[in-house]
Amino acid sequence: MRRRHFLTRGVLRPIATVVGGGAGLEIMLAEAFAEPRTCGPPPQAKPQRRTAGESLPPLPLPATPLRRSEKKRQPSPPSLVGKAILGDVKWMVQDGQRFAYRDWMTDPADIKNLLDWTNQQLHIHYRPVDSDLQQFSFNPTELPIMYFTGHDAFTVPDAAIPKLRQFVTDGGTILGDACCGMPEFDKAFRTLAKAMFPDRPLEAVTPDHPLYSAFYPIADVEVMIEGKGKARQAPPLEAVSVGCRAAVIYTGGYDCSCGWDGHTHEHGKRVLPGDARKLGANILTYALATYELGRFLATERVYHQKGEPTRDQLVIAQVIHDGDWDTQPSSLASLLKHLAENTTVEVQFKKEDVDLRHVDAFAHPILYMTGHREFRLSDQEVENLRRYLSAGGVLIANACCGRAGFDKAFRREIARVLPQQKLDRLPLEHPLYQSVFPIRQVGYTPLVLHEHPQLSQPTLEGISLEKQLRVIYSPFGLVNGWSGAPNPYARDYQSDDALRLGINMLVYSMTH
């Protein structure tokens, strides 16, 4: 078959075929359109290499050597994306010939064409492969990205759900795209994402996420919606995050695969080819760049005193809020380890997650807060936090990865908590910078230095009550530095300086 065709739902039509000259066997075909419609051309033929040389033809001797050429296998680039084989086998008849197809085949060259285009833009060399979940190794070191696409509803074997979850947890990325924006596939992919991560929903990717700046800066995209025409709107990506990494990435019910393939249709809803390719290039760039971060986060650090009664030792209490409040659960364990090694502070290696609506949250001398995204405190939480700070408690916070969403939300919410005060930058002479380590110069990650080339001093802000520092805030990330996570998209302090700042903040808070 020279071009793949897809069928959408329609009437069932029996076709009689004769088997061995006997009775006819009826085969039911589900057709989506009255006529089969092309959803993209097939992939281009693979390039061929030939070797030239002399050899002897199979003739009786004596024979004169003749020149001839032979095909030579093209060396395969490494595999990056596995296209999941989905859907039941269906049959169609066209031009008197009967063909089998499955739903994942309806846009056969989408990911290949995207990879070919991205390879040229990024000067890389990767290829896609077709992946059967029944035989897939679920090892991201062999295949980092698994791609799900199609029009119809689909299911995966129950046994594959925990394996897919482990694949993601181990550093793999799952990418989903509803071809032609079909709602059946959209619902099925959301169901799969929820089955893999019931406690981590698919959420809209915020404008400050590196998925929208990994290679191309993307503020909006051109879409076309059936019956409404073309328009520009915010990019539709959604994601499930594992730690600081978007690990399940979904095109939000909009078609990008036809755009990756370089064609479009009037039906459905889709991102048009130019912007679809840019989104695709960003997704592939992001997945490649955060692969090592995913592998790092796969190693869980344990609070070995978790569950033990709290003693007269330092216990970190982390504030729960309605954003992504626990971006790297093990980062505080690393900070506590370095605190115990570099000071005489008695540390209990446990972390308590506290709700500001409950009184027991305020039994801790230090509260800690972080996140990437927007969050909002309830009026009760605002009032309770105000009482806690006024009574001598300390709040330490940082915008994980230096993300603008959390930074904006924290400044707004702390202004609600302490409306008569404001966050001021701590001068270099502040005793916090001398409490354990003398700190006057710090290193920042490359992304910070790209945006602020002259920045070399620490950037901590604070609010004092009765001349005592009660709120300590860093607009640049500390979390990755505490854990040593290799995050190329973080606006952070370098790891050693993040640890020194974290230790100084804790010791200063306990001694003042």
Foldseek 3Di string as FASTA:
>chain_A
DFAAWDFAADDWDWDWDDDPNDGTDTATAGGRDPDTDALFGADDDDDWDKDKDWDFDPDDPPTDIDIDIDTDDDDADAAAEEEEQWADWGWDADPRDIDIDGFSCRHPCQVQLLQVVLCVVVVHHHGYHYDYLVPDPLACVRYQEYEYEGQAATDDDPVCLQSPLLSLLQQHAYEYFYALLHVRNVVNVQVSVCSNPVPFHWDFDDQQDQLCVLPHNDQWFWKQAAPPGIDIDGQQKTAGDAQSARRYIYSNSAGLRSLSSPDDDNHHMHTHNVVSSVSSSSVSSRSVQCRQLSNLLSDDDDLVQPPPDDDPAAEEEEEDFPAPWCRRVCLVLLLQVVLVVQDVGGHRSYYHYDYLLDPVSLVHQEYETEHQAATADDPSSLASVLVSLVVQHAYEYEYALLHPHVVVRVQVSVCSSPVPWHKDWDDLPDCLCVLRHNAAFFAWAPVLCVVVVPDTGATWIFTDDPNHTRYIYHSFHLRCLSSVRDDNSGGHTHNVVSSVSSSSVVSSSVVD
